[in-house]
PDB file of N, CA and C in Angstrom:
ATOM      1  N   MET A   1    -130.746 -72.166 -25.444  1.00  0.00           N
ATOM      2  CA  MET A   1    -130.626 -73.827 -25.861  1.00  0.00           C
ATOM      3  C   MET A   1    -128.740 -74.137 -26.193  1.00  0.00           C
ATOM      4  N   THR A   2    -128.391 -74.977 -25.821  1.00  0.00           N
ATOM      5  CA  THR A   2    -127.412 -74.993 -25.953  1.00  0.00           C
ATOM      6  C   THR A   2    -127.333 -76.246 -26.387  1.00  0.00           C
ATOM      7  N   ILE A   3    -126.623 -76.711 -28.051  1.00  0.00           N
ATOM      8  CA  ILE A   3    -126.903 -78.298 -28.280  1.00  0.00           C
ATOM      9  C   ILE A   3    -124.996 -79.077 -28.273  1.00  0.00           C
ATOM     10  N   PRO A   4    -124.591 -79.588 -27.688  1.00  0.00           N
ATOM     11  CA  PRO A   4    -123.269 -80.069 -27.400  1.00  0.00           C
ATOM     12  C   PRO A   4    -122.524 -80.398 -28.398  1.00  0.00           C
ATOM     13  N   ALA A   5    -121.334 -80.409 -28.810  1.00  0.00           N
ATOM     14  CA  ALA A   5    -120.842 -81.183 -30.119  1.00  0.00           C
ATOM     15  C   ALA A   5    -121.205 -82.486 -29.643  1.00  0.00           C
ATOM     16  N   GLY A   6    -120.688 -82.762 -30.946  1.00  0.00           N
ATOM     17  CA  GLY A   6    -121.124 -84.389 -31.195  1.00  0.00           C
ATOM     18  C   GLY A   6    -122.678 -84.982 -30.693  1.00  0.00           C
ATOM     19  N   SER A   7    -123.380 -83.923 -30.326  1.00  0.00           N
ATOM     20  CA  SER A   7    -124.599 -84.742 -29.544  1.00  0.00           C
ATOM     21  C   SER A   7    -125.896 -85.045 -30.792  1.00  0.00           C
ATOM     22  N   SER A   8    -125.466 -85.130 -31.622  1.00  0.00           N
ATOM     23  CA  SER A   8    -126.220 -85.415 -32.682  1.00  0.00           C
ATOM     24  C   SER A   8    -126.836 -86.470 -32.960  1.00  0.00           C
ATOM     25  N   ASP A   9    -128.183 -86.702 -33.277  1.00  0.00           N
ATOM     26  CA  ASP A   9    -128.896 -88.679 -33.240  1.00  0.00           C
ATOM     27  C   ASP A   9    -128.249 -89.281 -34.380  1.00  0.00           C
ATOM     28  N   VAL A  10    -128.301 -88.518 -35.531  1.00  0.00           N
ATOM     29  CA  VAL A  10    -128.267 -88.758 -37.067  1.00  0.00           C
ATOM     30  C   VAL A  10    -126.608 -89.120 -37.134  1.00  0.00           C
ATOM     31  N   GLU A  11    -126.360 -88.530 -36.965  1.00  0.00           N
ATOM     32  CA  GLU A  11    -124.239 -88.081 -36.596  1.00  0.00           C
ATOM     33  C   GLU A  11    -123.790 -88.298 -35.330  1.00  0.00           C
ATOM     34  N   PRO A  12    -123.770 -89.074 -34.615  1.00  0.00           N
ATOM     35  CA  PRO A  12    -123.166 -89.355 -33.292  1.00  0.00           C
ATOM     36  C   PRO A  12    -122.234 -89.221 -33.362  1.00  0.00           C
ATOM     37  N   GLY A  13    -121.630 -88.474 -32.131  1.00  0.00           N
ATOM     38  CA  GLY A  13    -119.679 -88.120 -32.073  1.00  0.00           C
ATOM     39  C   GLY A  13    -119.386 -87.322 -32.603  1.00  0.00           C
ATOM     40  N   VAL A  14    -119.931 -86.937 -34.309  1.00  0.00           N
ATOM     41  CA  VAL A  14    -119.362 -86.319 -35.331  1.00  0.00           C
ATOM     42  C   VAL A  14    -119.915 -84.672 -35.735  1.00  0.00           C
ATOM     43  N   ALA A  15    -121.467 -84.882 -35.111  1.00  0.00           N
ATOM     44  CA  ALA A  15    -121.810 -82.679 -35.533  1.00  0.00           C
ATOM     45  C   ALA A  15    -123.164 -82.980 -34.504  1.00  0.00           C
ATOM     46  N   PRO A  16    -123.071 -81.717 -33.865  1.00  0.00           N
ATOM     47  CA  PRO A  16    -122.036 -80.514 -34.238  1.00  0.00           C
ATOM     48  C   PRO A  16    -120.785 -80.514 -34.704  1.00  0.00           C
ATOM     49  N   THR A  17    -119.710 -80.428 -34.668  1.00  0.00           N
ATOM     50  CA  THR A  17    -119.024 -79.906 -34.715  1.00  0.00           C
ATOM     51  C   THR A  17    -118.371 -78.967 -33.505  1.00  0.00           C
ATOM     52  N   ALA A  18    -119.259 -78.094 -32.995  1.00  0.00           N
ATOM     53  CA  ALA A  18    -118.743 -77.419 -31.936  1.00  0.00           C
ATOM     54  C   ALA A  18    -120.300 -77.307 -30.969  1.00  0.00           C
ATOM     55  N   ASP A  19    -120.272 -76.867 -29.871  1.00  0.00           N
ATOM     56  CA  ASP A  19    -121.131 -76.742 -29.444  1.00  0.00           C
ATOM     57  C   ASP A  19    -122.415 -75.339 -30.057  1.00  0.00           C
ATOM     58  N   VAL A  20    -123.589 -75.321 -30.439  1.00  0.00           N
ATOM     59  CA  VAL A  20    -123.957 -74.549 -30.640  1.00  0.00           C
ATOM     60  C   VAL A  20    -125.311 -73.769 -30.093  1.00  0.00           C
ATOM     61  N   THR A  21    -125.252 -72.777 -29.449  1.00  0.00           N
ATOM     62  CA  THR A  21    -126.023 -72.367 -28.523  1.00  0.00           C
ATOM     63  C   THR A  21    -127.123 -71.384 -29.636  1.00  0.00           C
ATOM     64  N   LEU A  22    -128.977 -71.332 -29.423  1.00  0.00           N
ATOM     65  CA  LEU A  22    -129.554 -70.583 -30.055  1.00  0.00           C
ATOM     66  C   LEU A  22    -130.301 -70.052 -28.864  1.00  0.00           C
ATOM     67  N   SER A  23    -130.590 -68.665 -29.835  1.00  0.00           N
ATOM     68  CA  SER A  23    -130.971 -67.984 -28.409  1.00  0.00           C
ATOM     69  C   SER A  23    -132.365 -66.709 -28.963  1.00  0.00           C
ATOM     70  N   TRP A  24    -133.266 -66.615 -28.589  1.00  0.00           N
ATOM     71  CA  TRP A  24    -134.427 -65.951 -29.706  1.00  0.00           C
ATOM     72  C   TRP A  24    -135.116 -64.721 -28.093  1.00  0.00           C
ATOM     73  N   ASP A  25    -135.270 -63.602 -28.650  1.00  0.00           N
ATOM     74  CA  ASP A  25    -135.695 -62.894 -27.489  1.00  0.00           C
ATOM     75  C   ASP A  25    -137.271 -62.457 -27.164  1.00  0.00           C
ATOM     76  N   THR A  26    -137.889 -62.895 -28.403  1.00  0.00           N
ATOM     77  CA  THR A  26    -139.074 -63.898 -27.870  1.00  0.00           C
ATOM     78  C   THR A  26    -139.313 -64.904 -28.571  1.00  0.00           C
ATOM     79  N   PHE A  27    -140.133 -65.127 -28.213  1.00  0.00           N
ATOM     80  CA  PHE A  27    -141.146 -66.286 -28.798  1.00  0.00           C
ATOM     81  C   PHE A  27    -141.617 -66.610 -30.365  1.00  0.00           C
ATOM     82  N   THR A  28    -141.746 -65.269 -30.295  1.00  0.00           N
ATOM     83  CA  THR A  28    -142.567 -64.907 -31.618  1.00  0.00           C
ATOM     84  C   THR A  28    -141.039 -64.533 -32.611  1.00  0.00           C
ATOM     85  N   GLU A  29    -139.895 -64.838 -32.387  1.00  0.00           N
ATOM     86  CA  GLU A  29    -138.531 -63.954 -32.790  1.00  0.00           C
ATOM     87  C   GLU A  29    -138.073 -66.499 -33.376  1.00  0.00           C
ATOM     88  N   ALA A  30    -138.779 -66.953 -31.759  1.00  0.00           N
ATOM     89  CA  ALA A  30    -138.219 -68.570 -32.213  1.00  0.00           C
ATOM     90  C   ALA A  30    -139.122 -69.082 -32.865  1.00  0.00           C
ATOM     91  N   SER A  31    -140.606 -68.703 -32.577  1.00  0.00           N
ATOM     92  CA  SER A  31    -141.654 -69.073 -34.134  1.00  0.00           C
ATOM     93  C   SER A  31    -141.012 -68.461 -35.210  1.00  0.00           C
ATOM     94  N   ASP A  32    -140.620 -67.491 -35.948  1.00  0.00           N
ATOM     95  CA  ASP A  32    -139.628 -67.583 -36.990  1.00  0.00           C
ATOM     96  C   ASP A  32    -139.170 -67.951 -37.496  1.00  0.00           C
ATOM     97  N   GLU A  33    -138.269 -68.860 -36.800  1.00  0.00           N
ATOM     98  CA  GLU A  33    -136.905 -69.312 -37.023  1.00  0.00           C
ATOM     99  C   GLU A  33    -137.222 -70.473 -37.294  1.00  0.00           C
ATOM    100  N   ALA A  34    -137.814 -71.191 -37.042  1.00  0.00           N
ATOM    101  CA  ALA A  34    -138.460 -72.794 -36.785  1.00  0.00           C
ATOM    102  C   ALA A  34    -139.800 -73.389 -38.234  1.00  0.00           C
ATOM    103  N   GLY A  35    -140.152 -71.664 -38.321  1.00  0.00           N
ATOM    104  CA  GLY A  35    -140.835 -71.918 -39.248  1.00  0.00           C
ATOM    105  C   GLY A  35    -140.290 -71.759 -40.975  1.00  0.00           C
ATOM    106  N   ILE A  36    -139.300 -71.093 -40.841  1.00  0.00           N
ATOM    107  CA  ILE A  36    -138.556 -70.755 -42.035  1.00  0.00           C
ATOM    108  C   ILE A  36    -137.423 -72.188 -41.895  1.00  0.00           C
ATOM    109  N   SER A  37    -137.184 -72.635 -40.882  1.00  0.00           N
ATOM    110  CA  SER A  37    -136.245 -73.942 -40.751  1.00  0.00           C
ATOM    111  C   SER A  37    -137.378 -75.577 -41.734  1.00  0.00           C
ATOM    112  N   ARG A  38    -138.310 -74.918 -40.910  1.00  0.00           N
ATOM    113  CA  ARG A  38    -139.268 -75.953 -41.996  1.00  0.00           C
ATOM    114  C   ARG A  38    -139.427 -76.384 -42.995  1.00  0.00           C
ATOM    115  N   ARG A  39    -139.465 -75.038 -42.920  1.00  0.00           N
ATOM    116  CA  ARG A  39    -139.758 -74.570 -44.966  1.00  0.00           C
ATOM    117  C   ARG A  39    -138.569 -75.338 -45.501  1.00  0.00           C
ATOM    118  N   TYR A  40    -137.354 -74.745 -45.226  1.00  0.00           N
ATOM    119  CA  TYR A  40    -136.171 -75.146 -46.147  1.00  0.00           C
ATOM    120  C   TYR A  40    -136.383 -76.911 -46.139  1.00  0.00           C
ATOM    121  N   GLY A  41    -136.800 -77.387 -44.619  1.00  0.00           N
ATOM    122  CA  GLY A  41    -135.833 -78.851 -44.300  1.00  0.00           C
ATOM    123  C   GLY A  41    -136.655 -79.318 -45.511  1.00  0.00           C
ATOM    124  N   GLY A  42    -138.023 -78.621 -45.812  1.00  0.00           N
ATOM    125  CA  GLY A  42    -139.005 -79.207 -47.281  1.00  0.00           C
ATOM    126  C   GLY A  42    -140.204 -79.734 -46.416  1.00  0.00           C
ATOM    127  N   ILE A  43    -140.208 -79.389 -45.133  1.00  0.00           N
ATOM    128  CA  ILE A  43    -141.179 -80.212 -44.047  1.00  0.00           C
ATOM    129  C   ILE A  43    -142.374 -79.245 -44.400  1.00  0.00           C
ATOM    130  N   HIS A  44    -143.132 -78.299 -44.555  1.00  0.00           N
ATOM    131  CA  HIS A  44    -144.144 -77.591 -44.772  1.00  0.00           C
ATOM    132  C   HIS A  44    -143.912 -76.074 -46.020  1.00  0.00           C
ATOM    133  N   PHE A  45    -144.684 -76.489 -46.896  1.00  0.00           N
ATOM    134  CA  PHE A  45    -145.227 -75.379 -47.340  1.00  0.00           C
ATOM    135  C   PHE A  45    -145.345 -73.927 -47.149  1.00  0.00           C
ATOM    136  N   THR A  46    -144.766 -72.759 -47.591  1.00  0.00           N
ATOM    137  CA  THR A  46    -145.032 -71.919 -46.962  1.00  0.00           C
ATOM    138  C   THR A  46    -146.512 -70.938 -46.200  1.00  0.00           C
ATOM    139  N   ASP A  47    -147.344 -71.319 -46.648  1.00  0.00           N
ATOM    140  CA  ASP A  47    -148.792 -71.374 -46.579  1.00  0.00           C
ATOM    141  C   ASP A  47    -148.822 -72.285 -45.194  1.00  0.00           C
ATOM    142  N   ALA A  48    -148.648 -73.378 -44.826  1.00  0.00           N
ATOM    143  CA  ALA A  48    -148.944 -73.961 -44.177  1.00  0.00           C
ATOM    144  C   ALA A  48    -147.995 -73.844 -42.726  1.00  0.00           C
ATOM    145  N   ASP A  49    -146.312 -73.361 -42.799  1.00  0.00           N
ATOM    146  CA  ASP A  49    -145.662 -72.354 -41.950  1.00  0.00           C
ATOM    147  C   ASP A  49    -146.767 -71.291 -41.425  1.00  0.00           C
ATOM    148  N   LEU A  50    -146.883 -70.477 -42.133  1.00  0.00           N
ATOM    149  CA  LEU A  50    -147.410 -69.146 -42.196  1.00  0.00           C
ATOM    150  C   LEU A  50    -149.044 -69.331 -40.886  1.00  0.00           C
ATOM    151  N   ILE A  51    -150.182 -69.798 -41.768  1.00  0.00           N
ATOM    152  CA  ILE A  51    -151.089 -70.327 -41.311  1.00  0.00           C
ATOM    153  C   ILE A  51    -151.123 -70.899 -39.843  1.00  0.00           C
ATOM    154  N   GLY A  52    -149.945 -71.499 -39.848  1.00  0.00           N
ATOM    155  CA  GLY A  52    -150.049 -72.588 -38.101  1.00  0.00           C
ATOM    156  C   GLY A  52    -149.255 -72.101 -37.397  1.00  0.00           C
ATOM    157  N   ARG A  53    -148.715 -70.378 -37.961  1.00  0.00           N
ATOM    158  CA  ARG A  53    -147.774 -69.914 -36.690  1.00  0.00           C
ATOM    159  C   ARG A  53    -149.066 -68.756 -36.706  1.00  0.00           C
ATOM    160  N   LYS A  54    -149.983 -67.868 -37.540  1.00  0.00           N
ATOM    161  CA  LYS A  54    -151.249 -67.419 -36.268  1.00  0.00           C
ATOM    162  C   LYS A  54    -152.210 -68.706 -36.480  1.00  0.00           C
ATOM    163  N   LEU A  55    -152.559 -69.688 -36.658  1.00  0.00           N
ATOM    164  CA  LEU A  55    -153.191 -70.278 -35.288  1.00  0.00           C
ATOM    165  C   LEU A  55    -152.543 -70.427 -33.873  1.00  0.00           C
ATOM    166  N   GLY A  56    -151.192 -70.401 -34.509  1.00  0.00           N
ATOM    167  CA  GLY A  56    -149.983 -70.717 -32.517  1.00  0.00           C
ATOM    168  C   GLY A  56    -150.797 -69.750 -32.009  1.00  0.00           C
ATOM    169  N   ARG A  57    -150.980 -68.054 -32.916  1.00  0.00           N
ATOM    170  CA  ARG A  57    -150.958 -66.915 -32.045  1.00  0.00           C
ATOM    171  C   ARG A  57    -151.877 -67.023 -31.693  1.00  0.00           C
ATOM    172  N   ARG A  58    -153.225 -67.652 -31.799  1.00  0.00           N
ATOM    173  CA  ARG A  58    -154.669 -67.378 -31.754  1.00  0.00           C
ATOM    174  C   ARG A  58    -155.140 -68.588 -30.282  1.00  0.00           C
ATOM    175  N   VAL A  59    -154.309 -69.480 -30.531  1.00  0.00           N
ATOM    176  CA  VAL A  59    -154.021 -70.320 -29.157  1.00  0.00           C
ATOM    177  C   VAL A  59    -153.570 -69.977 -28.076  1.00  0.00           C
ATOM    178  N   ALA A  60    -152.575 -68.955 -28.341  1.00  0.00           N
ATOM    179  CA  ALA A  60    -151.313 -68.368 -27.510  1.00  0.00           C
ATOM    180  C   ALA A  60    -152.634 -67.537 -26.212  1.00  0.00           C
ATOM    181  N   GLY A  61    -153.361 -66.995 -27.268  1.00  0.00           N
ATOM    182  CA  GLY A  61    -153.614 -65.676 -26.616  1.00  0.00           C
ATOM    183  C   GLY A  61    -154.712 -66.170 -25.473  1.00  0.00           C
ATOM    184  N   LYS A  62    -155.917 -67.499 -26.522  1.00  0.00           N
ATOM    185  CA  LYS A  62    -156.835 -67.873 -25.969  1.00  0.00           C
ATOM    186  C   LYS A  62    -156.410 -68.644 -24.336  1.00  0.00           C
ATOM    187  N   THR A  63    -155.416 -69.299 -24.340  1.00  0.00           N
ATOM    188  CA  THR A  63    -154.640 -70.014 -23.353  1.00  0.00           C
ATOM    189  C   THR A  63    -154.337 -69.294 -22.504  1.00  0.00           C
ATOM    190  N   TRP A  64    -153.464 -67.688 -22.853  1.00  0.00           N
ATOM    191  CA  TRP A  64    -153.417 -66.726 -21.730  1.00  0.00           C
ATOM    192  C   TRP A  64    -154.459 -66.157 -20.921  1.00  0.00           C
ATOM    193  N   ASP A  65    -155.578 -65.952 -21.686  1.00  0.00           N
ATOM    194  CA  ASP A  65    -156.714 -65.581 -21.526  1.00  0.00           C
ATOM    195  C   ASP A  65    -157.070 -66.235 -20.352  1.00  0.00           C
ATOM    196  N   LYS A  66    -157.311 -68.330 -20.197  1.00  0.00           N
ATOM    197  CA  LYS A  66    -158.049 -68.678 -19.796  1.00  0.00           C
ATOM    198  C   LYS A  66    -156.888 -68.724 -18.092  1.00  0.00           C
ATOM    199  N   ALA A  67    -155.506 -68.443 -18.641  1.00  0.00           N
ATOM    200  CA  ALA A  67    -154.444 -68.862 -17.318  1.00  0.00           C
ATOM    201  C   ALA A  67    -154.963 -68.114 -16.131  1.00  0.00           C
ATOM    202  N   THR A  68    -154.865 -66.531 -17.201  1.00  0.00           N
ATOM    203  CA  THR A  68    -155.497 -65.813 -16.614  1.00  0.00           C
ATOM    204  C   THR A  68    -156.369 -65.375 -15.248  1.00  0.00           C
ATOM    205  N   ALA A  69    -157.306 -65.893 -16.049  1.00  0.00           N
ATOM    206  CA  ALA A  69    -158.295 -66.217 -15.470  1.00  0.00           C
ATOM    207  C   ALA A  69    -157.986 -67.300 -13.949  1.00  0.00           C
ATOM    208  N   TYR A  70    -158.231 -67.621 -14.263  1.00  0.00           N
ATOM    209  CA  TYR A  70    -157.897 -68.915 -12.864  1.00  0.00           C
ATOM    210  C   TYR A  70    -157.190 -68.460 -12.074  1.00  0.00           C
ATOM    211  N   PHE A  71    -155.672 -67.956 -12.434  1.00  0.00           N
ATOM    212  CA  PHE A  71    -155.236 -66.930 -11.293  1.00  0.00           C
ATOM    213  C   PHE A  71    -156.219 -65.987 -10.413  1.00  0.00           C
ATOM    214  N   GLN A  72    -156.533 -64.969 -11.481  1.00  0.00           N
ATOM    215  CA  GLN A  72    -157.819 -63.976 -10.604  1.00  0.00           C
ATOM    216  C   GLN A  72    -158.426 -64.524 -10.131  1.00  0.00           C
ATOM    217  N   GLY A  73    -158.927 -66.074  -9.945  1.00  0.00           N
ATOM    218  CA  GLY A  73    -160.059 -66.680  -9.706  1.00  0.00           C
ATOM    219  C   GLY A  73    -161.640 -66.328  -9.740  1.00  0.00           C
ATOM    220  N   THR A  74    -161.101 -66.151 -11.260  1.00  0.00           N
ATOM    221  CA  THR A  74    -162.738 -65.488 -12.370  1.00  0.00           C
ATOM    222  C   THR A  74    -163.250 -66.478 -13.025  1.00  0.00           C
ATOM    223  N   THR A  75    -162.454 -67.703 -12.702  1.00  0.00           N
ATOM    224  CA  THR A  75    -163.340 -68.607 -13.002  1.00  0.00           C
ATOM    225  C   THR A  75    -163.033 -70.153 -12.520  1.00  0.00           C
ATOM    226  N   GLY A  76    -164.322 -71.151 -12.693  1.00  0.00           N
ATOM    227  CA  GLY A  76    -164.544 -71.856 -12.302  1.00  0.00           C
ATOM    228  C   GLY A  76    -164.813 -73.304 -12.552  1.00  0.00           C
TER     229      GLY A  76
END
């Protein structure tokens, strides 16, 4: 994902001063980075971040199982 220079909603035309490209090898890496940034930003406490990520993995697993069942035609 690339954020173009000057595209900030908070400081349009000013920030970021250069294009910023973010990339992750896995969804877990993206989740970790997002969770940590929310802690640094004061949006979440550590427990809220860690518990939220744990819940997210459970929801993702259930969603994957359900989607797989649909793809295989084993659910009605």
